[in-house]
Protein backbone atom coordinates (compact mmCIF):
# COMPACT_ATOMS: atom_id res chain seq x y z
CA MET A 1 -31.54 -23.62 2.99
CA LYS A 2 -29.49 -25.98 5.15
CA ASN A 3 -32.57 -26.99 7.15
CA ASP A 4 -34.53 -27.70 3.97
CA ASN A 5 -31.58 -29.39 2.24
CA PRO A 6 -29.47 -31.10 4.92
CA GLU A 7 -27.30 -32.75 2.26
CA LEU A 8 -25.86 -29.37 1.25
CA ASN A 9 -22.28 -28.66 2.36
CA TRP A 10 -22.52 -25.41 4.34
CA ILE A 11 -19.30 -23.39 4.62
CA VAL A 12 -19.19 -20.36 6.93
CA ASP A 13 -16.47 -17.93 5.82
CA ILE A 14 -15.47 -15.40 8.50
CA GLY A 15 -13.52 -12.28 7.59
CA ASP A 16 -13.95 -10.47 10.92
CA PRO A 17 -14.95 -12.20 14.19
CA PHE A 18 -18.46 -11.55 15.47
CA CYS A 19 -19.39 -12.50 19.02
CA PHE A 20 -16.05 -11.52 20.60
CA ARG A 21 -15.33 -8.45 18.46
CA HIS A 22 -15.31 -5.94 21.30
CA ASP A 23 -13.09 -3.16 19.86
CA THR A 24 -15.55 -2.35 17.05
CA PRO A 25 -18.69 -4.27 18.04
CA THR A 26 -21.28 -5.03 15.38
CA ASN A 27 -24.12 -4.30 17.78
CA ASN A 28 -24.73 -3.30 21.41
CA HIS A 29 -22.81 -5.91 23.41
CA ILE A 30 -24.37 -4.78 26.69
CA LEU A 31 -27.75 -5.89 25.35
CA TYR A 32 -26.84 -8.62 22.89
CA SER A 33 -23.56 -10.21 24.02
CA ALA A 34 -25.18 -13.44 25.25
CA PHE A 35 -27.41 -13.62 22.18
CA ASN A 36 -24.43 -13.04 19.86
CA TYR A 37 -22.58 -15.90 21.50
CA SER A 38 -25.48 -18.35 21.46
CA TYR A 39 -26.44 -17.60 17.86
CA GLU A 40 -22.90 -17.87 16.53
CA LYS A 41 -22.48 -21.11 18.48
CA LYS A 42 -25.63 -22.42 16.79
CA ILE A 43 -24.22 -21.53 13.37
CA PHE A 44 -20.91 -23.26 14.14
CA ASN A 45 -22.78 -26.36 15.34
CA GLU A 46 -24.90 -26.64 12.20
CA ALA A 47 -22.26 -25.66 9.61
CA ASP A 48 -20.12 -28.32 7.97
CA SER A 49 -16.96 -26.19 8.05
CA VAL A 50 -15.79 -22.72 9.05
CA SER A 51 -12.90 -20.74 7.54
CA VAL A 52 -11.06 -17.91 9.30
CA THR A 53 -8.07 -15.82 8.21
CA THR A 54 -5.63 -16.26 11.13
CA GLU A 55 -4.45 -18.98 13.47
CA ALA A 56 -5.19 -16.74 16.48
CA THR A 57 -8.83 -16.49 15.36
CA ARG A 58 -9.04 -20.26 14.91
CA ARG A 59 -7.71 -20.87 18.44
CA LYS A 60 -10.14 -18.31 19.91
CA TYR A 61 -13.18 -19.86 18.24
CA ALA A 62 -11.98 -23.37 19.11
CA LYS A 63 -11.85 -22.31 22.76
CA LEU A 64 -15.29 -20.69 22.62
CA PHE A 65 -16.92 -23.55 20.70
CA PRO A 66 -14.87 -26.69 21.47
CA CYS A 67 -17.48 -28.99 19.98
CA SER A 68 -16.89 -27.34 16.61
CA SER A 69 -13.10 -27.01 16.82
CA GLU A 70 -12.42 -29.68 14.19
CA LYS A 71 -14.51 -27.77 11.66
CA ILE A 72 -12.46 -24.57 11.80
CA MET A 73 -9.83 -24.06 9.08
CA VAL A 74 -7.37 -21.22 8.40
CA ILE A 75 -7.49 -19.83 4.86
CA PRO A 76 -5.28 -16.72 4.59
CA PRO A 77 -6.08 -13.56 2.61
CA LEU A 78 -5.83 -13.58 -1.16
CA VAL A 79 -3.25 -11.43 -2.93
CA THR A 80 -3.63 -10.12 -6.48
CA LEU A 81 -0.75 -8.08 -7.83
CA GLY A 82 -2.26 -6.66 -11.00
CA ALA A 83 -0.90 -3.87 -13.14
CA SER A 84 -2.44 -0.41 -12.95
CA ASN A 85 -5.04 0.65 -15.49
CA ALA A 86 -3.95 2.70 -18.48
CA GLY A 87 -6.46 5.38 -17.52
CA ASP A 88 -4.58 6.02 -14.28
CA GLU A 89 -1.51 7.32 -16.09
CA LEU A 90 -2.75 10.86 -15.48
CA SER A 91 -1.64 10.28 -11.88
CA ALA A 92 1.68 8.68 -12.81
CA VAL A 93 3.39 10.27 -9.79
CA PRO A 94 0.69 10.06 -7.10
CA LEU A 95 3.20 10.80 -4.33
CA GLY A 96 4.58 13.86 -6.08
CA SER A 97 7.91 14.48 -7.79
CA SER A 98 9.96 15.86 -4.92
CA GLY A 99 13.22 14.15 -4.03
CA ALA A 100 12.10 13.46 -0.44
CA PHE A 101 12.04 9.98 1.04
CA LYS A 102 8.41 8.88 0.65
CA ALA A 103 6.61 6.76 3.26
CA LEU A 104 3.15 5.45 2.39
CA PHE A 105 0.22 4.14 4.43
CA THR A 106 -2.75 2.67 2.57
CA GLY A 107 -6.09 1.71 4.10
CA ALA A 108 -8.79 3.07 6.38
CA LEU A 109 -7.92 4.78 9.66
CA TYR A 110 -10.01 4.53 12.84
CA LYS A 111 -9.41 6.27 16.14
CA THR A 112 -10.16 3.09 18.13
CA ILE A 113 -8.48 0.25 16.22
CA ARG A 114 -6.06 1.86 13.71
CA ASN A 115 -5.01 5.23 15.05
CA PRO A 116 -2.20 7.14 13.26
CA GLU A 117 -1.20 9.31 16.23
CA TYR A 118 1.92 7.37 17.23
CA LEU A 119 3.04 7.13 13.61
CA LEU A 120 2.76 10.92 13.28
CA ARG A 121 4.66 11.42 16.53
CA LEU A 122 7.34 8.99 15.37
CA PHE A 123 7.95 10.87 12.13
CA ALA A 124 7.91 14.23 13.94
CA SER A 125 10.59 12.81 16.23
CA LEU A 126 12.67 11.79 13.22
CA LYS A 127 12.53 15.35 11.93
CA GLU A 128 13.53 16.71 15.34
CA MET A 129 16.54 14.39 15.40
CA ASP A 130 17.61 15.58 11.96
CA PRO A 131 15.91 18.78 10.73
CA GLN A 132 17.64 18.35 7.35
CA LEU A 133 15.97 14.96 6.81
CA GLU A 134 13.71 15.14 3.77
CA ILE A 135 10.91 12.69 4.41
CA GLU A 136 7.22 12.75 3.51
CA LEU A 137 4.36 10.74 5.00
CA HIS A 138 1.48 9.94 2.64
CA PHE A 139 -1.92 8.50 3.59
CA PHE A 140 -4.14 6.78 1.01
CA GLY A 141 -7.60 5.86 2.26
CA PRO A 142 -10.50 7.12 4.42
CA HIS A 143 -9.32 9.11 7.44
CA SER A 144 -12.37 11.13 8.56
CA ASP A 145 -12.59 9.23 11.86
CA CYS A 146 -9.14 10.58 12.78
CA GLN A 147 -9.58 14.23 11.81
CA ALA A 148 -8.93 15.35 15.39
CA VAL A 149 -5.65 13.43 15.40
CA PHE A 150 -4.44 15.08 12.20
CA ALA A 151 -5.58 18.47 13.47
CA SER A 152 -2.95 18.16 16.20
CA PHE A 153 -0.30 18.03 13.47
CA GLU A 154 -1.82 20.80 11.36
CA ALA A 155 1.53 22.55 10.83
CA THR A 156 2.85 19.57 8.87
CA LEU A 157 -0.24 18.89 6.74
CA GLY A 158 0.40 19.54 3.07
CA LYS A 159 4.14 19.84 3.75
CA ASP A 160 5.57 16.67 5.29
CA VAL A 161 2.21 14.91 5.80
CA HIS A 162 -0.17 14.43 2.86
CA LEU A 163 -3.76 13.16 3.11
CA HIS A 164 -4.86 11.83 -0.29
CA GLY A 165 -8.13 10.18 0.78
CA LEU A 166 -9.62 7.19 -0.99
CA MET A 167 -7.92 6.67 -4.34
CA PRO A 168 -8.58 4.33 -7.31
CA LYS A 169 -6.87 0.95 -7.12
CA GLY A 170 -4.60 1.72 -10.07
CA VAL A 171 -3.38 4.96 -8.49
CA THR A 172 -2.74 3.19 -5.20
CA MET A 173 -0.71 0.50 -6.98
CA MET A 174 1.43 3.20 -8.62
CA ALA A 175 1.91 4.85 -5.23
CA LEU A 176 3.10 1.52 -3.82
CA ARG A 177 5.72 1.32 -6.56
CA GLN A 178 6.80 4.93 -6.04
CA ALA A 179 7.07 4.71 -2.23
CA ASP A 180 10.38 4.20 -0.46
CA LEU A 181 8.75 2.77 2.68
CA LEU A 182 5.39 1.04 3.23
CA ILE A 183 3.61 1.50 6.56
CA ASN A 184 1.08 -0.72 8.30
CA ILE A 185 -0.73 0.11 11.53
CA GLY A 186 -1.72 -3.10 13.27
CA ASN A 187 -5.19 -3.56 14.72
CA THR A 188 -5.84 -3.44 18.45
CA SER A 189 -7.17 -7.00 18.18
CA PRO A 190 -4.97 -10.06 17.46
CA TYR A 191 -7.84 -11.74 15.59
CA GLN A 192 -7.90 -9.54 12.47
CA LEU A 193 -5.16 -9.44 9.86
CA PRO A 194 -5.26 -6.43 7.50
CA SER A 195 -5.42 -7.96 4.02
CA LYS A 196 -3.03 -5.33 2.69
CA VAL A 197 -0.12 -6.80 4.68
CA VAL A 198 0.05 -9.63 2.16
CA GLU A 199 0.23 -7.12 -0.69
CA TYR A 200 2.90 -5.16 1.19
CA ALA A 201 4.97 -8.25 1.92
CA CYS A 202 4.91 -9.32 -1.74
CA THR A 203 6.73 -6.14 -2.75
CA GLU A 204 10.46 -5.54 -2.38
CA LYS A 205 9.91 -2.39 -0.32
CA PRO A 206 10.99 -1.87 3.30
CA ILE A 207 8.03 -2.14 5.69
CA LEU A 208 7.33 -0.36 8.97
CA ASN A 209 4.68 -2.02 11.15
CA ILE A 210 3.26 -0.02 14.06
CA ALA A 211 1.84 -2.33 16.74
CA SER A 212 -0.04 -1.50 19.93
CA ILE A 213 -0.49 -4.97 21.45
CA VAL A 214 1.97 -7.73 22.32
CA ASP A 215 0.41 -10.36 20.06
CA ASP A 216 0.01 -8.15 17.00
CA SER A 217 -1.20 -10.27 14.06
CA SER A 218 0.71 -8.21 11.49
CA ALA A 219 4.00 -8.58 13.38
CA MET A 220 3.51 -12.35 13.45
CA PHE A 221 2.72 -12.36 9.74
CA PHE A 222 5.88 -10.37 8.89
CA GLU A 223 8.18 -12.70 10.90
CA GLY A 224 11.03 -13.87 8.71
CA ARG A 225 10.72 -11.08 6.17
CA GLN A 226 13.85 -9.05 5.53
CA LYS A 227 13.69 -5.22 5.44
CA THR A 228 10.81 -5.18 7.94
CA ILE A 229 10.60 -3.56 11.36
CA THR A 230 7.87 -3.55 14.01
CA ILE A 231 7.68 -0.63 16.42
CA ASN A 232 5.48 -1.77 19.31
CA THR A 233 4.05 0.93 21.56
CA ALA A 234 3.31 -1.74 24.19
CA ASP A 235 7.00 -2.60 24.76
CA GLY A 236 7.56 0.14 27.35
CA ARG A 237 10.23 1.95 25.35
CA SER A 238 10.30 5.70 24.76
CA LEU A 239 9.42 7.57 21.60
CA ASN A 240 13.05 8.61 21.29
CA ASP A 241 14.18 4.98 21.44
CA HIS A 242 11.66 4.01 18.78
CA SER A 243 12.61 6.88 16.44
CA THR A 244 16.32 6.05 16.84
CA GLU A 245 15.60 2.41 16.00
CA LEU A 246 13.58 3.45 12.96
CA ARG A 247 16.32 5.78 11.69
CA THR A 248 18.88 2.97 12.01
CA PHE A 249 16.53 0.63 10.14
CA LEU A 250 16.07 3.11 7.30
CA ASP A 251 19.82 3.64 7.00
CA ASP A 252 20.44 -0.12 6.99
CA CYS A 253 17.84 -0.70 4.28
CA GLN A 254 19.56 1.78 2.01
CA SER A 255 23.04 0.37 2.59
CA SER A 256 22.43 -3.40 2.79
CA ASP A 257 21.61 -5.82 0.00
CA ASN A 258 19.48 -8.85 0.89
CA GLN A 259 17.42 -8.98 -2.30
CA SER A 260 17.96 -12.72 -2.84
CA MET A 261 16.52 -13.62 0.57
CA LEU A 262 13.64 -11.19 0.08
CA GLU A 263 12.90 -12.58 -3.37
CA ASN A 264 12.72 -16.16 -2.03
CA TYR A 265 10.35 -15.00 0.71
CA ARG A 266 8.26 -13.13 -1.86
CA LYS A 267 7.94 -16.13 -4.18
CA HIS A 268 6.83 -18.37 -1.31
CA LEU A 269 4.31 -15.78 -0.12
CA ILE A 270 2.79 -15.20 -3.55
CA GLU A 271 2.40 -18.95 -4.00
CA ALA A 272 0.75 -19.42 -0.60
CA HIS A 273 -1.70 -16.53 -1.16
CA SER A 274 -2.25 -16.91 -4.88
CA PRO A 275 -5.73 -17.31 -6.39
CA LYS A 276 -4.90 -20.95 -7.16
CA SER A 277 -3.82 -21.76 -3.62
CA ILE A 278 -6.83 -20.04 -2.04
CA THR A 279 -9.16 -21.61 -4.60
CA ASP A 280 -7.74 -25.06 -3.78
CA SER A 281 -8.39 -24.46 -0.08
CA TYR A 282 -12.02 -23.47 -0.59
CA SER A 283 -12.51 -26.29 -3.10
CA ALA A 284 -11.33 -28.73 -0.46
CA LEU A 285 -13.98 -27.41 1.92
CA LEU A 286 -16.65 -27.62 -0.78
CA VAL A 287 -16.01 -31.32 -1.30
CA GLY A 288 -15.92 -31.93 2.44
CA GLN A 289 -12.26 -32.72 3.03
CA THR A 290 -10.92 -32.92 6.59
CA ASN A 291 -8.98 -30.26 8.46
CA ASN A 292 -5.62 -31.89 7.72
CA GLN A 293 -6.44 -32.28 4.04
CA VAL A 294 -7.35 -28.62 3.73
CA GLY A 295 -4.20 -27.68 5.59
CA GLU A 296 -2.11 -29.17 2.79
CA HIS A 297 -3.36 -26.38 0.51
CA VAL A 298 -2.77 -23.51 2.91
C-alpha cells in the first residue's frame, strides 16, 4: 500500500521487538537472523514513524538503525480500569474467603522469560521463617509451560498455592481488588514491559516485583511508587536475605500510611496512560508531527 500510495503516512507500531528478540525468538535465528535484521531495517527506512512501548526499546532500535532514529517514538501501554461485569458476581470472592494474606499474580507464565520458581521459593522461605504466617499465593493466567516448576512444590498446591488458570476479565478485576499484595515477574529482556504493570501501579495495593536482570523494565517503571518492592535475583544476595526484606516490606505496608503520596502518583499515572493521552500520541503520529511534538503527549 505504501509503495502504491507514497503519500500515505505509514506508522509501524511495535509491541514486542522482532529482530533482536532472542529470549523467545519469532523464528529460527540461526537461519534467519540476518534476514530478520535486514527486513526490519527496510521497514524502518520506509515507514514514516515507529512507536515502541519503552525507552530501552527505542534506544536499542536507534542503535541498530541509526538512520531511522528520529522516527522512533515511545508510546506507553494503555490502561483501562473498568468495573467488573454484573455476570461475574457469581465469583464475587475469586481468591476465597479465608482470612489469610492473599498475594496475586496475573498473566501468562513461561519457563524461559517469566518463570515463577524464585517466587515460589521466596514464599516457601517466608513460611519457614514463620510457620504461623497465614499467606496464600494465587496465580491467574496460563501456566502450562511451567507445570514442571509447580510440580516441585506439589505439597503446597491447593493449600498455600492456588492455580486458577485463565479467568474472565471481570473475575480478574475482582481478584485484584480482593488481593492484599500484587505480584509481577519481570521479563528476562529489558525491552518488553508487561502491560499489566500499569494496571497494577494504578491500584492502591502493595506490589512485589521479581526481577532477574539488572536493567529490569518493570523495576524502572515502578521507580517512585510507594508501597513497591523489587526483589532482584541478579543482585547476588541470598534467598534468606530476600525473604527477610520482603517480610519487613509487608510489615511496613500494614503499619505505615502514605496514601496521599500514592494517590498523587496514581492520578499522574492514570493521566499519562489514559485512552485520551494515548490517543493524542497516536493522533500526533497520524498527522506527521515530529518526535518532540509527540513527546509532549506522552
